[in-house]
Protein backbone atom coordinates (compact mmCIF):
# COMPACT_ATOMS: atom_id res chain seq x y z
CA MET A 1 0.00 0.00 0.00
CA LYS A 2 1.16 3.53 -0.78
CA THR A 3 -0.32 6.85 0.25
CA MET A 4 -1.70 9.34 -2.26
CA ASN A 5 1.77 10.84 -2.71
CA GLY A 6 3.33 7.39 -3.20
CA ALA A 7 4.94 7.16 0.25
CA ILE A 8 4.82 4.15 2.53
CA PRO A 9 2.00 4.69 5.07
CA LYS A 10 3.09 5.56 8.61
CA VAL A 11 1.33 3.79 11.49
CA LEU A 12 1.47 4.94 15.12
CA PHE A 13 0.46 2.77 18.08
CA LEU A 14 -0.41 4.77 21.20
CA CYS A 15 -0.87 3.85 24.84
CA THR A 16 -0.15 5.46 28.15
CA GLY A 17 3.32 4.21 29.11
CA ASN A 18 4.71 3.03 25.75
CA SER A 19 6.48 0.18 27.51
CA ALA A 20 4.66 -3.00 26.43
CA ARG A 21 1.51 -3.09 24.24
CA SER A 22 2.35 -0.31 21.80
CA ILE A 23 5.98 -1.46 21.68
CA MET A 24 4.90 -5.01 20.82
CA ALA A 25 2.51 -3.68 18.15
CA GLU A 26 5.32 -1.63 16.61
CA ALA A 27 7.58 -4.70 16.44
CA LEU A 28 4.84 -6.87 14.92
CA LEU A 29 3.96 -4.36 12.22
CA ARG A 30 7.65 -3.91 11.39
CA HIS A 31 7.76 -7.68 10.90
CA TRP A 32 4.57 -8.24 8.90
CA GLY A 33 4.37 -4.81 7.30
CA LYS A 34 7.99 -4.91 6.13
CA ASP A 35 8.22 -2.64 3.09
CA ARG A 36 4.50 -1.79 3.11
CA PHE A 37 4.25 0.24 6.35
CA SER A 38 6.45 2.28 8.67
CA ALA A 39 5.65 1.44 12.30
CA TYR A 40 6.01 3.70 15.34
CA SER A 41 4.82 3.74 18.95
CA ALA A 42 4.48 6.36 21.67
CA GLY A 43 2.87 7.09 25.00
CA SER A 44 1.11 10.02 26.62
CA ARG A 45 3.10 9.39 29.81
CA PRO A 46 6.00 7.21 28.65
CA THR A 47 7.86 5.22 31.27
CA GLY A 48 11.16 5.89 29.51
CA LYS A 49 11.98 2.18 29.33
CA VAL A 50 10.64 -0.83 27.49
CA ASN A 51 9.26 -3.57 29.70
CA PRO A 52 11.81 -6.43 29.74
CA ARG A 53 9.01 -9.01 29.48
CA ALA A 54 7.78 -7.38 26.27
CA LEU A 55 11.26 -7.60 24.77
CA GLU A 56 11.69 -11.16 25.98
CA ILE A 57 8.39 -12.42 24.52
CA LEU A 58 9.08 -10.68 21.21
CA THR A 59 12.58 -12.16 21.03
CA ARG A 60 11.35 -15.62 22.01
CA ASN A 61 8.82 -15.43 19.16
CA HIS A 62 11.48 -14.33 16.65
CA PHE A 63 10.51 -10.67 16.30
CA ASN A 64 13.24 -8.06 15.97
CA THR A 65 13.46 -5.73 18.96
CA GLU A 66 16.34 -3.58 17.71
CA GLY A 67 15.69 0.12 18.10
CA LEU A 68 12.56 -0.22 20.21
CA ARG A 69 12.37 2.46 22.89
CA SER A 70 9.78 4.15 25.05
CA LYS A 71 8.87 7.49 23.45
CA SER A 72 6.63 10.43 24.18
CA LEU A 73 3.70 11.34 21.98
CA ASP A 74 5.39 14.75 21.75
CA GLU A 75 7.81 13.27 19.18
CA PHE A 76 4.87 12.81 16.80
CA GLU A 77 3.25 16.21 17.21
CA GLY A 78 4.29 19.57 15.85
CA ASP A 79 5.48 20.92 12.54
CA ASN A 80 8.56 18.70 12.18
CA ALA A 81 6.88 15.44 13.18
CA PRO A 82 6.22 12.70 10.63
CA ILE A 83 2.65 12.74 9.35
CA MET A 84 0.83 9.57 10.39
CA ASP A 85 -1.59 7.81 8.08
CA PHE A 86 -3.00 5.48 10.74
CA VAL A 87 -3.14 5.80 14.53
CA PHE A 88 -4.27 2.99 16.85
CA THR A 89 -4.76 3.39 20.58
CA VAL A 90 -4.14 0.13 22.44
CA CYS A 91 -4.99 1.17 26.00
CA ASP A 92 -7.81 -0.38 27.99
CA HIS A 93 -10.81 1.79 28.87
CA ALA A 94 -12.21 -1.11 30.88
CA ALA A 95 -9.30 -0.69 33.31
CA ASN A 96 -9.96 3.06 33.50
CA GLU A 97 -6.79 3.87 31.60
CA VAL A 98 -6.75 7.28 29.99
CA CYS A 99 -5.98 6.80 26.33
CA PRO A 100 -3.92 9.45 24.59
CA LEU A 101 -5.83 11.80 22.32
CA TRP A 102 -4.72 12.07 18.72
CA LEU A 103 -5.67 15.30 17.02
CA GLY A 104 -4.13 14.65 13.61
CA GLN A 105 -5.92 13.90 10.36
CA SER A 106 -4.94 10.23 10.41
CA ILE A 107 -7.37 7.38 10.10
CA SER A 108 -7.64 6.15 13.66
CA ALA A 109 -9.20 3.32 15.63
CA HIS A 110 -9.20 2.06 19.18
CA TRP A 111 -7.88 -1.47 19.65
CA PRO A 112 -8.40 -2.04 23.40
CA LEU A 113 -5.92 -4.36 25.03
CA ALA A 114 -5.50 -5.19 28.71
CA ASP A 115 -2.17 -4.11 30.14
CA PRO A 116 -0.08 -7.28 30.64
CA ASP A 117 2.28 -5.53 33.06
CA ARG A 118 0.67 -6.52 36.33
CA PRO A 119 3.18 -6.58 39.19
CA ASP A 120 0.36 -7.66 41.53
CA VAL A 121 0.21 -11.17 40.00
CA SER A 122 2.64 -14.09 39.98
CA ASP A 123 5.37 -14.40 37.36
CA LYS A 124 3.49 -17.28 35.73
CA GLU A 125 0.25 -15.25 35.53
CA GLN A 126 2.12 -12.25 34.14
CA GLU A 127 3.73 -14.46 31.50
CA LEU A 128 0.26 -15.63 30.47
CA LEU A 129 -0.95 -12.01 30.26
CA PHE A 130 1.95 -11.09 27.96
CA GLN A 131 1.28 -14.14 25.79
CA LYS A 132 -2.40 -13.17 25.55
CA ALA A 133 -1.52 -9.59 24.60
CA LEU A 134 0.90 -10.82 21.95
CA ARG A 135 -1.72 -13.19 20.46
CA GLU A 136 -4.33 -10.43 20.30
CA LEU A 137 -1.89 -8.00 18.66
CA GLN A 138 -0.71 -10.63 16.19
CA HIS A 139 -4.32 -11.34 15.23
CA ARG A 140 -5.21 -7.67 14.74
CA ILE A 141 -2.04 -6.68 12.90
CA ARG A 142 -2.29 -9.63 10.53
CA MET A 143 -5.86 -8.57 9.78
CA PHE A 144 -4.70 -4.97 9.25
CA VAL A 145 -1.91 -5.83 6.80
CA GLY A 146 -4.29 -8.17 4.95
CA LEU A 147 -6.89 -5.49 4.23
CA PRO A 148 -7.59 -4.71 0.56
CA PHE A 149 -6.59 -1.04 0.97
CA ASP A 150 -6.92 -0.29 -2.75
CA LYS A 151 -10.58 -1.37 -2.68
CA LEU A 152 -11.69 0.53 0.44
CA ASP A 153 -12.77 4.15 0.69
CA LYS A 154 -11.92 6.06 3.87
CA LEU A 155 -15.28 5.35 5.55
CA SER A 156 -15.14 1.62 4.78
CA LEU A 157 -11.53 1.45 5.89
CA THR A 158 -12.35 3.17 9.18
CA LYS A 159 -15.17 0.67 9.78
CA GLN A 160 -12.84 -2.25 9.04
CA LEU A 161 -10.21 -0.88 11.45
CA ASN A 162 -12.79 -0.47 14.21
CA ASP A 163 -14.04 -4.01 13.57
CA ILE A 164 -10.47 -5.29 13.90
CA GLY A 165 -10.30 -3.59 17.29
CA ARG A 166 -13.31 -5.61 18.42
CA SER A 167 -11.96 -8.93 17.14
CA PHE A 168 -10.08 -11.55 19.11
CA PRO A 169 -8.11 -14.59 18.01
CA ASP A 170 -9.80 -17.95 18.07
CA THR A 171 -8.41 -19.70 21.11
CA SER A 172 -10.29 -22.98 20.70
């Protein structure tokens, strides 16, 4: 897919801390989007570090983690910032997280995802939460890269992206 001016579309994944979910989404889109998309991530209140479990699960599943870092949304706003074509928030309203607001002209959708970083649970339970988050992101990003972009108008594309945000992998 190319934008109207022939550039590779830029995709931004947003969450609060930019330490796990949005980082994993960035890595997955870099993998499956390869030369078709440029992937980025950011947070409204970035932690300043990537969660080690996120890096470990990505590495264990053969995804490249080189260059991943926790970034502020500020890097993607302003006159000199790259113009995003798609923006996905991956925070969880159900957990009363405050999702970052995106005011750009990008096509955007909310892909809610529970935060796997839960220090209040056992290591085994936290591992399962990270695995679940990875599966959900893999499912949604595969659906995203498989969309027939050349056949969808903006309204249809927005609907498809919102539908992806409500879909979950088959775990049966």
